[in-house]
Structures are given as C-alpha cells and as structure tokens.
Amino acid sequence: MDNEIKEQLDYLKLKQLADSWDKTLAQANKTKISYHRFLEDIISREYQTLKENRRQARLKAAKIPEMLPMETFPFTEQPKLKKKMVMEVYDSLNYIHQAQVLCLIGPTGCGKSGLATAYLINAMNKGYRGRFIDFRELVDLLYRSQADYSRKKALKQLAAYDCLLIDELGYCSIDKEEAGLFFDLMKQRHKRKCTIITTQLGFDEWNTFLANKHLTMALIDRITENCTVFDMQKCISIRIKNIKYATE
C-alpha cells in the first residue's frame, strides 16, 4: 500500500481495511471474486468493525464496575429464582421497548447487582445507551447540580439514557431536598426510558430512607405502573468467602 492510499484510509477512518489491505487484495486475486462481491466484503468488514467499536465505547461510557453478562449468573445456586421468567424478560428486550422499571429486591450478596448488570449489558449490546450508577453517587450528583445551577442539564443527561441502572437504592438515607431531586429524575424517565433498580428494601420500607411519606407513595405508584419485580428476598448469598483467622 502506498502512503497516499494509507493517508486516505486513515482520513476516512477505515482502519480495518487499512490493516488488511495487502491481505484483502491477495485474497481477491486468489479467489477471483467479482467486483461486486469484493466491495460487499470490504463494506461488511468495515461495518462490523465500526459496530463493535461503538459497542465497546458504549460499555466503557456506562461506567460498569464489573462486566457480568447473563452467561455468568449462577442460576443453579439460586433455585428460588424463576430462570424462565428472567430469560423471557432478557431475550424479548421488552424492558427497553416498553420503557419498564426492573426492580430487583433481595439481601446483600444474592446476585441482584450482577443480574441487573446483565440486563444493562444486553441492552447496550443491542445498540442502546446506558449507565450504571450507585444510588448515593446519583443523589450526590443531583445535589451538586442544584448547588452549581446545572440541575436542568444533569437531569436531562440522566433522563436521556435508554437504560439507567441505579444500584443499592436505599442503603443510605437522604433528606427531603435530595428525595425531591430523585423523584424529579424518576418522573422524567417514567414510561419514556427503562430504569433498573436494585435494593435490599421492599416497597413497604422505602419511606425509611426517602423521608417523605407522600413522595414515597407517588414514586412507588409510578414505578409499579409498568414494572417487573424480581423478588430475591429468599435467595441466599452467593459471594465466595475467603476468611483467614489470626487466632487459634
């Protein structure tokens, strides 16, 4: 490949073709394929390369702490979880198409964050934009936006994600102003975008961290209007323990 062709391919960002130029031409000469097939193959490879690069970029931007696709979930260790229902929701992608709320409720270590992450990854692999965020981090972000007058921008950005995973909702209490900001976000996403929530608390306990009875009722009313609940409260902890004792 001469330098001029290389510069042109680099400018057009046709990296796959640039990397395989000599090999592609040699293969075409060897197999004596038609010009039509030759161009089809080049376009197809560039398309797949660009598609994969964009998928990887979406996953990186989502700030997922640990990549846990559905294949990694240990269903055999959680027999009380209805695998068929879990997979029907996953395979149909209705949680995205119907802008549902997925609410995973269960004790620490039962795998709810891993399962929620699998749903998020699945959506992003299909071309949707997503974000993983811890509940405390989300509340802090919204509160800071209130202080520096960027609240509208922050809410717009968070409301725009096709799939927003809020992890460990309710593990820390928030004040009335913070609760109001969280409610505003959920109201904007309601029936427009999919939200995935993991929590250790059942709906009847949400008033313990939201500090506003009426807001809690309004929030739960919206969430449960179009919601799939994964009741994992009877599931056991599947975290591997590695404890060493310094005493006899």
C-alpha atoms as a PDB file:
ATOM      1  CA  MET A   1       0.000   0.000   0.000  1.00  0.00           C
ATOM      2  CA  ASP A   2       1.422   3.387  -0.914  1.00  0.00           C
ATOM      3  CA  ASN A   3       1.406   6.308   1.525  1.00  0.00           C
ATOM      4  CA  GLU A   4      -1.314   8.220  -0.314  1.00  0.00           C
ATOM      5  CA  ILE A   5      -3.788   5.332  -0.044  1.00  0.00           C
ATOM      6  CA  LYS A   6      -2.878   4.859   3.623  1.00  0.00           C
ATOM      7  CA  GLU A   7      -3.468   8.547   4.360  1.00  0.00           C
ATOM      8  CA  GLN A   8      -6.828   8.429   2.607  1.00  0.00           C
ATOM      9  CA  LEU A   9      -7.925   5.315   4.519  1.00  0.00           C
ATOM     10  CA  ASP A  10      -6.787   6.875   7.809  1.00  0.00           C
ATOM     11  CA  TYR A  11      -8.668  10.068   6.994  1.00  0.00           C
ATOM     12  CA  LEU A  12     -11.826   8.060   6.242  1.00  0.00           C
ATOM     13  CA  LYS A  13     -11.205   6.062   9.452  1.00  0.00           C
ATOM     14  CA  LEU A  14     -11.303   2.782   7.536  1.00  0.00           C
ATOM     15  CA  LYS A  15      -8.896   1.154   9.968  1.00  0.00           C
ATOM     16  CA  GLN A  16      -9.922  -2.434   9.272  1.00  0.00           C
ATOM     17  CA  LEU A  17      -9.302  -2.027   5.543  1.00  0.00           C
ATOM     18  CA  ALA A  18      -6.004  -0.211   6.141  1.00  0.00           C
ATOM     19  CA  ASP A  19      -4.772  -3.013   8.401  1.00  0.00           C
ATOM     20  CA  SER A  20      -5.762  -5.782   5.965  1.00  0.00           C
ATOM     21  CA  TRP A  21      -5.155  -4.026   2.612  1.00  0.00           C
ATOM     22  CA  ASP A  22      -2.483  -6.351   1.231  1.00  0.00           C
ATOM     23  CA  LYS A  23      -4.193  -9.465   2.560  1.00  0.00           C
ATOM     24  CA  THR A  24      -7.558  -8.386   1.129  1.00  0.00           C
ATOM     25  CA  LEU A  25      -6.104  -7.775  -2.357  1.00  0.00           C
ATOM     26  CA  ALA A  26      -4.179 -11.042  -2.299  1.00  0.00           C
ATOM     27  CA  GLN A  27      -7.286 -12.993  -1.296  1.00  0.00           C
ATOM     28  CA  ALA A  28      -9.360 -11.317  -4.026  1.00  0.00           C
ATOM     29  CA  ASN A  29      -6.764 -12.208  -6.677  1.00  0.00           C
ATOM     30  CA  LYS A  30      -6.545 -15.764  -5.425  1.00  0.00           C
ATOM     31  CA  THR A  31     -10.292 -16.461  -5.342  1.00  0.00           C
ATOM     32  CA  LYS A  32     -11.053 -14.339  -8.432  1.00  0.00           C
ATOM     33  CA  ILE A  33     -14.243 -12.973  -6.884  1.00  0.00           C
ATOM     34  CA  SER A  34     -16.405 -10.412  -8.692  1.00  0.00           C
ATOM     35  CA  TYR A  35     -16.040  -6.675  -8.098  1.00  0.00           C
ATOM     36  CA  HIS A  36     -19.496  -6.728  -6.554  1.00  0.00           C
ATOM     37  CA  ARG A  37     -18.553  -9.418  -4.021  1.00  0.00           C
ATOM     38  CA  PHE A  38     -15.208  -7.739  -3.371  1.00  0.00           C
ATOM     39  CA  LEU A  39     -16.870  -4.447  -2.432  1.00  0.00           C
ATOM     40  CA  GLU A  40     -19.546  -6.227  -0.387  1.00  0.00           C
ATOM     41  CA  ASP A  41     -16.878  -7.971   1.692  1.00  0.00           C
ATOM     42  CA  ILE A  42     -14.989  -4.728   2.335  1.00  0.00           C
ATOM     43  CA  ILE A  43     -18.129  -2.836   3.357  1.00  0.00           C
ATOM     44  CA  SER A  44     -19.312  -5.692   5.568  1.00  0.00           C
ATOM     45  CA  ARG A  45     -15.997  -5.881   7.454  1.00  0.00           C
ATOM     46  CA  GLU A  46     -15.876  -2.109   7.945  1.00  0.00           C
ATOM     47  CA  TYR A  47     -19.464  -2.117   9.156  1.00  0.00           C
ATOM     48  CA  GLN A  48     -18.804  -4.902  11.684  1.00  0.00           C
ATOM     49  CA  THR A  49     -15.629  -3.212  12.908  1.00  0.00           C
ATOM     50  CA  LEU A  50     -17.354   0.145  13.404  1.00  0.00           C
ATOM     51  CA  LYS A  51     -20.318  -1.529  15.086  1.00  0.00           C
ATOM     52  CA  GLU A  52     -18.063  -3.375  17.532  1.00  0.00           C
ATOM     53  CA  ASN A  53     -16.027  -0.245  18.301  1.00  0.00           C
ATOM     54  CA  ARG A  54     -19.196   1.679  19.100  1.00  0.00           C
ATOM     55  CA  ARG A  55     -20.454  -1.156  21.321  1.00  0.00           C
ATOM     56  CA  GLN A  56     -17.200  -1.144  23.252  1.00  0.00           C
ATOM     57  CA  ALA A  57     -17.374   2.646  23.574  1.00  0.00           C
ATOM     58  CA  ARG A  58     -20.922   2.453  24.963  1.00  0.00           C
ATOM     59  CA  LEU A  59     -19.879  -0.130  27.547  1.00  0.00           C
ATOM     60  CA  LYS A  60     -16.892   1.966  28.602  1.00  0.00           C
ATOM     61  CA  ALA A  61     -19.004   5.108  28.939  1.00  0.00           C
ATOM     62  CA  ALA A  62     -21.549   3.245  31.089  1.00  0.00           C
ATOM     63  CA  LYS A  63     -19.013   3.001  33.961  1.00  0.00           C
ATOM     64  CA  ILE A  64     -19.990  -0.565  34.810  1.00  0.00           C
ATOM     65  CA  PRO A  65     -17.801  -1.661  37.760  1.00  0.00           C
ATOM     66  CA  GLU A  66     -17.754  -5.348  36.765  1.00  0.00           C
ATOM     67  CA  MET A  67     -18.776  -6.832  33.418  1.00  0.00           C
ATOM     68  CA  LEU A  68     -21.248  -9.590  34.308  1.00  0.00           C
ATOM     69  CA  PRO A  69     -23.151 -10.840  31.230  1.00  0.00           C
ATOM     70  CA  MET A  70     -26.109 -13.187  31.724  1.00  0.00           C
ATOM     71  CA  GLU A  71     -23.938 -16.221  30.956  1.00  0.00           C
ATOM     72  CA  THR A  72     -22.081 -15.657  34.245  1.00  0.00           C
ATOM     73  CA  PHE A  73     -25.140 -15.697  36.510  1.00  0.00           C
ATOM     74  CA  PRO A  74     -25.205 -18.853  38.689  1.00  0.00           C
ATOM     75  CA  PHE A  75     -28.850 -19.900  38.355  1.00  0.00           C
ATOM     76  CA  THR A  76     -28.074 -23.295  39.911  1.00  0.00           C
ATOM     77  CA  GLU A  77     -27.123 -21.547  43.160  1.00  0.00           C
ATOM     78  CA  GLN A  78     -30.412 -19.617  43.236  1.00  0.00           C
ATOM     79  CA  PRO A  79     -33.114 -22.269  42.621  1.00  0.00           C
ATOM     80  CA  LYS A  80     -35.829 -19.983  44.028  1.00  0.00           C
ATOM     81  CA  LEU A  81     -35.301 -17.561  41.141  1.00  0.00           C
ATOM     82  CA  LYS A  82     -37.550 -18.266  38.140  1.00  0.00           C
ATOM     83  CA  LYS A  83     -34.989 -18.664  35.369  1.00  0.00           C
ATOM     84  CA  LYS A  84     -37.627 -18.913  32.623  1.00  0.00           C
ATOM     85  CA  MET A  85     -39.152 -15.557  33.565  1.00  0.00           C
ATOM     86  CA  VAL A  86     -35.709 -13.975  33.919  1.00  0.00           C
ATOM     87  CA  MET A  87     -34.730 -15.106  30.418  1.00  0.00           C
ATOM     88  CA  GLU A  88     -38.066 -14.148  28.833  1.00  0.00           C
ATOM     89  CA  VAL A  89     -37.603 -10.566  30.014  1.00  0.00           C
ATOM     90  CA  TYR A  90     -33.975 -10.649  28.870  1.00  0.00           C
ATOM     91  CA  ASP A  91     -34.489 -12.173  25.413  1.00  0.00           C
ATOM     92  CA  SER A  92     -37.596 -10.171  24.474  1.00  0.00           C
ATOM     93  CA  LEU A  93     -35.914  -6.846  25.364  1.00  0.00           C
ATOM     94  CA  ASN A  94     -39.399  -5.654  26.343  1.00  0.00           C
ATOM     95  CA  TYR A  95     -37.916  -3.857  29.335  1.00  0.00           C
ATOM     96  CA  ILE A  96     -36.358  -1.469  26.797  1.00  0.00           C
ATOM     97  CA  HIS A  97     -39.099  -1.440  24.170  1.00  0.00           C
ATOM     98  CA  GLN A  98     -41.807  -0.812  26.788  1.00  0.00           C
ATOM     99  CA  ALA A  99     -39.720   1.515  28.982  1.00  0.00           C
ATOM    100  CA  GLN A 100     -40.227  -0.672  32.024  1.00  0.00           C
ATOM    101  CA  VAL A 101     -38.801  -0.467  35.518  1.00  0.00           C
ATOM    102  CA  LEU A 102     -36.970  -3.604  36.610  1.00  0.00           C
ATOM    103  CA  CYS A 103     -36.818  -3.769  40.397  1.00  0.00           C
ATOM    104  CA  LEU A 104     -34.563  -6.392  41.951  1.00  0.00           C
ATOM    105  CA  ILE A 105     -35.177  -6.782  45.691  1.00  0.00           C
ATOM    106  CA  GLY A 106     -33.013  -9.030  47.837  1.00  0.00           C
ATOM    107  CA  PRO A 107     -30.369  -9.328  50.564  1.00  0.00           C
ATOM    108  CA  THR A 108     -26.731  -8.474  50.091  1.00  0.00           C
ATOM    109  CA  GLY A 109     -24.712 -11.000  48.114  1.00  0.00           C
ATOM    110  CA  CYS A 110     -27.662 -12.693  46.394  1.00  0.00           C
ATOM    111  CA  GLY A 111     -26.590 -11.562  42.914  1.00  0.00           C
ATOM    112  CA  LYS A 112     -29.126  -8.817  42.228  1.00  0.00           C
ATOM    113  CA  SER A 113     -26.492  -6.310  41.047  1.00  0.00           C
ATOM    114  CA  GLY A 114     -24.942  -8.949  38.778  1.00  0.00           C
ATOM    115  CA  LEU A 115     -28.318  -9.834  37.286  1.00  0.00           C
ATOM    116  CA  ALA A 116     -29.191  -6.152  36.834  1.00  0.00           C
ATOM    117  CA  THR A 117     -25.827  -5.596  35.121  1.00  0.00           C
ATOM    118  CA  ALA A 118     -26.607  -8.445  32.708  1.00  0.00           C
ATOM    119  CA  TYR A 119     -29.800  -6.651  31.627  1.00  0.00           C
ATOM    120  CA  LEU A 120     -27.892  -3.389  31.169  1.00  0.00           C
ATOM    121  CA  ILE A 121     -25.163  -5.058  29.097  1.00  0.00           C
ATOM    122  CA  ASN A 122     -27.765  -6.844  26.976  1.00  0.00           C
ATOM    123  CA  ALA A 123     -29.449  -3.549  26.084  1.00  0.00           C
ATOM    124  CA  MET A 124     -26.147  -1.880  25.257  1.00  0.00           C
ATOM    125  CA  ASN A 125     -25.071  -4.798  23.078  1.00  0.00           C
ATOM    126  CA  LYS A 126     -28.255  -4.178  21.087  1.00  0.00           C
ATOM    127  CA  GLY A 127     -27.292  -0.560  20.423  1.00  0.00           C
ATOM    128  CA  TYR A 128     -28.877   1.293  23.363  1.00  0.00           C
ATOM    129  CA  ARG A 129     -27.113   3.807  25.603  1.00  0.00           C
ATOM    130  CA  GLY A 130     -26.855   3.017  29.286  1.00  0.00           C
ATOM    131  CA  ARG A 131     -25.268   3.934  32.594  1.00  0.00           C
ATOM    132  CA  PHE A 132     -24.522   2.167  35.870  1.00  0.00           C
ATOM    133  CA  ILE A 133     -24.610   4.403  38.933  1.00  0.00           C
ATOM    134  CA  ASP A 134     -24.639   3.840  42.669  1.00  0.00           C
ATOM    135  CA  PHE A 135     -27.642   5.373  44.457  1.00  0.00           C
ATOM    136  CA  ARG A 136     -25.511   7.539  46.753  1.00  0.00           C
ATOM    137  CA  GLU A 137     -23.424   8.729  43.790  1.00  0.00           C
ATOM    138  CA  LEU A 138     -26.616   9.568  41.896  1.00  0.00           C
ATOM    139  CA  VAL A 139     -28.042  11.591  44.770  1.00  0.00           C
ATOM    140  CA  ASP A 140     -24.742  13.417  45.297  1.00  0.00           C
ATOM    141  CA  LEU A 141     -24.559  14.235  41.584  1.00  0.00           C
ATOM    142  CA  LEU A 142     -28.076  15.668  41.592  1.00  0.00           C
ATOM    143  CA  TYR A 143     -27.450  17.611  44.800  1.00  0.00           C
ATOM    144  CA  ARG A 144     -24.242  19.174  43.440  1.00  0.00           C
ATOM    145  CA  SER A 145     -26.083  20.152  40.268  1.00  0.00           C
ATOM    146  CA  GLN A 146     -28.569  22.012  42.462  1.00  0.00           C
ATOM    147  CA  ALA A 147     -25.727  23.927  44.082  1.00  0.00           C
ATOM    148  CA  ASP A 148     -23.965  24.974  40.861  1.00  0.00           C
ATOM    149  CA  TYR A 149     -27.189  25.660  38.919  1.00  0.00           C
ATOM    150  CA  SER A 150     -26.668  22.779  36.466  1.00  0.00           C
ATOM    151  CA  ARG A 151     -29.668  20.801  37.732  1.00  0.00           C
ATOM    152  CA  LYS A 152     -31.599  21.015  34.482  1.00  0.00           C
ATOM    153  CA  LYS A 153     -28.598  19.803  32.480  1.00  0.00           C
ATOM    154  CA  ALA A 154     -27.880  16.935  34.887  1.00  0.00           C
ATOM    155  CA  LEU A 155     -31.486  15.762  34.886  1.00  0.00           C
ATOM    156  CA  LYS A 156     -31.651  15.954  31.098  1.00  0.00           C
ATOM    157  CA  GLN A 157     -28.482  13.875  30.733  1.00  0.00           C
ATOM    158  CA  LEU A 158     -29.618  11.197  33.200  1.00  0.00           C
ATOM    159  CA  ALA A 159     -33.128  11.121  31.761  1.00  0.00           C
ATOM    160  CA  ALA A 160     -31.761  10.532  28.255  1.00  0.00           C
ATOM    161  CA  TYR A 161     -30.138   7.153  28.913  1.00  0.00           C
ATOM    162  CA  ASP A 162     -32.094   4.326  27.314  1.00  0.00           C
ATOM    163  CA  CYS A 163     -31.261   2.159  30.314  1.00  0.00           C
ATOM    164  CA  LEU A 164     -30.222   3.556  33.707  1.00  0.00           C
ATOM    165  CA  LEU A 165     -29.151   1.108  36.419  1.00  0.00           C
ATOM    166  CA  ILE A 166     -29.412   2.536  39.944  1.00  0.00           C
ATOM    167  CA  ASP A 167     -27.594   0.196  42.308  1.00  0.00           C
ATOM    168  CA  GLU A 168     -28.382  -0.333  46.013  1.00  0.00           C
ATOM    169  CA  LEU A 169     -31.226   2.132  46.300  1.00  0.00           C
ATOM    170  CA  GLY A 170     -31.994   2.912  49.923  1.00  0.00           C
ATOM    171  CA  TYR A 171     -28.793   1.763  51.615  1.00  0.00           C
ATOM    172  CA  CYS A 172     -28.357   5.330  52.878  1.00  0.00           C
ATOM    173  CA  SER A 173     -30.932   7.870  53.986  1.00  0.00           C
ATOM    174  CA  ILE A 174     -31.423  11.096  52.061  1.00  0.00           C
ATOM    175  CA  ASP A 175     -33.034  14.379  53.049  1.00  0.00           C
ATOM    176  CA  LYS A 176     -36.222  15.838  51.607  1.00  0.00           C
ATOM    177  CA  GLU A 177     -34.441  18.011  49.035  1.00  0.00           C
ATOM    178  CA  GLU A 178     -32.400  15.053  47.755  1.00  0.00           C
ATOM    179  CA  ALA A 179     -35.531  12.894  47.687  1.00  0.00           C
ATOM    180  CA  GLY A 180     -37.255  15.554  45.616  1.00  0.00           C
ATOM    181  CA  LEU A 181     -34.423  15.588  43.087  1.00  0.00           C
ATOM    182  CA  PHE A 182     -34.525  11.795  42.801  1.00  0.00           C
ATOM    183  CA  PHE A 183     -38.284  11.919  42.301  1.00  0.00           C
ATOM    184  CA  ASP A 184     -37.864  14.518  39.539  1.00  0.00           C
ATOM    185  CA  LEU A 185     -35.482  12.191  37.704  1.00  0.00           C
ATOM    186  CA  MET A 186     -37.793   9.192  38.005  1.00  0.00           C
ATOM    187  CA  LYS A 187     -40.727  11.318  36.869  1.00  0.00           C
ATOM    188  CA  GLN A 188     -38.839  12.350  33.732  1.00  0.00           C
ATOM    189  CA  ARG A 189     -37.901   8.756  32.938  1.00  0.00           C
ATOM    190  CA  HIS A 190     -41.382   7.387  33.698  1.00  0.00           C
ATOM    191  CA  LYS A 191     -42.800   5.496  30.679  1.00  0.00           C
ATOM    192  CA  ARG A 192     -40.077   7.015  28.482  1.00  0.00           C
ATOM    193  CA  LYS A 193     -36.913   5.070  29.341  1.00  0.00           C
ATOM    194  CA  CYS A 194     -36.031   1.856  31.145  1.00  0.00           C
ATOM    195  CA  THR A 195     -34.758   2.107  34.714  1.00  0.00           C
ATOM    196  CA  ILE A 196     -33.245  -0.824  36.602  1.00  0.00           C
ATOM    197  CA  ILE A 197     -33.195  -0.633  40.398  1.00  0.00           C
ATOM    198  CA  THR A 198     -31.511  -2.919  42.916  1.00  0.00           C
ATOM    199  CA  THR A 199     -32.388  -2.633  46.585  1.00  0.00           C
ATOM    200  CA  GLN A 200     -32.413  -4.578  49.826  1.00  0.00           C
ATOM    201  CA  LEU A 201     -35.693  -2.943  50.832  1.00  0.00           C
ATOM    202  CA  GLY A 202     -39.223  -3.950  49.923  1.00  0.00           C
ATOM    203  CA  PHE A 203     -41.591  -1.203  48.759  1.00  0.00           C
ATOM    204  CA  ASP A 204     -43.133  -1.015  52.246  1.00  0.00           C
ATOM    205  CA  GLU A 205     -39.727   0.093  53.594  1.00  0.00           C
ATOM    206  CA  TRP A 206     -38.924   2.848  51.123  1.00  0.00           C
ATOM    207  CA  ASN A 207     -40.296   5.554  53.396  1.00  0.00           C
ATOM    208  CA  THR A 208     -37.427   4.779  55.792  1.00  0.00           C
ATOM    209  CA  PHE A 209     -34.833   6.401  53.505  1.00  0.00           C
ATOM    210  CA  LEU A 210     -36.896   8.844  51.421  1.00  0.00           C
ATOM    211  CA  ALA A 211     -38.024  10.865  54.455  1.00  0.00           C
ATOM    212  CA  ASN A 212     -41.257  11.924  52.769  1.00  0.00           C
ATOM    213  CA  LYS A 213     -44.338   9.720  53.022  1.00  0.00           C
ATOM    214  CA  HIS A 214     -46.325  11.379  50.225  1.00  0.00           C
ATOM    215  CA  LEU A 215     -43.359  11.461  47.844  1.00  0.00           C
ATOM    216  CA  THR A 216     -42.665   7.798  48.582  1.00  0.00           C
ATOM    217  CA  MET A 217     -46.238   6.841  47.711  1.00  0.00           C
ATOM    218  CA  ALA A 218     -46.122   8.882  44.491  1.00  0.00           C
ATOM    219  CA  LEU A 219     -42.774   7.355  43.489  1.00  0.00           C
ATOM    220  CA  ILE A 220     -43.879   3.760  44.100  1.00  0.00           C
ATOM    221  CA  ASP A 221     -47.131   4.437  42.259  1.00  0.00           C
ATOM    222  CA  ARG A 222     -45.193   5.496  39.164  1.00  0.00           C
ATOM    223  CA  ILE A 223     -42.623   2.706  39.384  1.00  0.00           C
ATOM    224  CA  THR A 224     -45.182  -0.072  39.739  1.00  0.00           C
ATOM    225  CA  GLU A 225     -47.335   1.140  36.834  1.00  0.00           C
ATOM    226  CA  ASN A 226     -45.070  -0.634  34.344  1.00  0.00           C
ATOM    227  CA  CYS A 227     -42.716  -2.795  36.348  1.00  0.00           C
ATOM    228  CA  THR A 228     -41.219  -6.264  36.610  1.00  0.00           C
ATOM    229  CA  VAL A 229     -40.249  -7.164  40.169  1.00  0.00           C
ATOM    230  CA  PHE A 230     -37.563  -9.760  40.879  1.00  0.00           C
ATOM    231  CA  ASP A 231     -38.286 -10.886  44.426  1.00  0.00           C
ATOM    232  CA  MET A 232     -34.950 -12.306  45.552  1.00  0.00           C
ATOM    233  CA  GLN A 233     -35.572 -11.914  49.271  1.00  0.00           C
ATOM    234  CA  LYS A 234     -35.453 -15.682  49.808  1.00  0.00           C
ATOM    235  CA  CYS A 235     -32.293 -16.074  47.739  1.00  0.00           C
ATOM    236  CA  ILE A 236     -29.071 -16.854  49.567  1.00  0.00           C
ATOM    237  CA  SER A 237     -25.722 -15.070  49.446  1.00  0.00           C
ATOM    238  CA  ILE A 238     -23.530 -16.468  46.691  1.00  0.00           C
ATOM    239  CA  ARG A 239     -20.425 -14.432  47.498  1.00  0.00           C
ATOM    240  CA  ILE A 240     -17.354 -16.614  47.905  1.00  0.00           C
ATOM    241  CA  LYS A 241     -15.931 -16.226  51.412  1.00  0.00           C
ATOM    242  CA  ASN A 242     -12.181 -16.240  51.958  1.00  0.00           C
ATOM    243  CA  ILE A 243     -11.735 -15.702  55.680  1.00  0.00           C
ATOM    244  CA  LYS A 244      -8.443 -16.253  57.495  1.00  0.00           C
ATOM    245  CA  TYR A 245      -8.346 -16.140  61.269  1.00  0.00           C
ATOM    246  CA  ALA A 246      -5.296 -14.868  63.118  1.00  0.00           C
ATOM    247  CA  THR A 247      -6.204 -16.792  66.255  1.00  0.00           C
ATOM    248  CA  GLU A 248      -6.343 -20.475  67.064  1.00  0.00           C
END
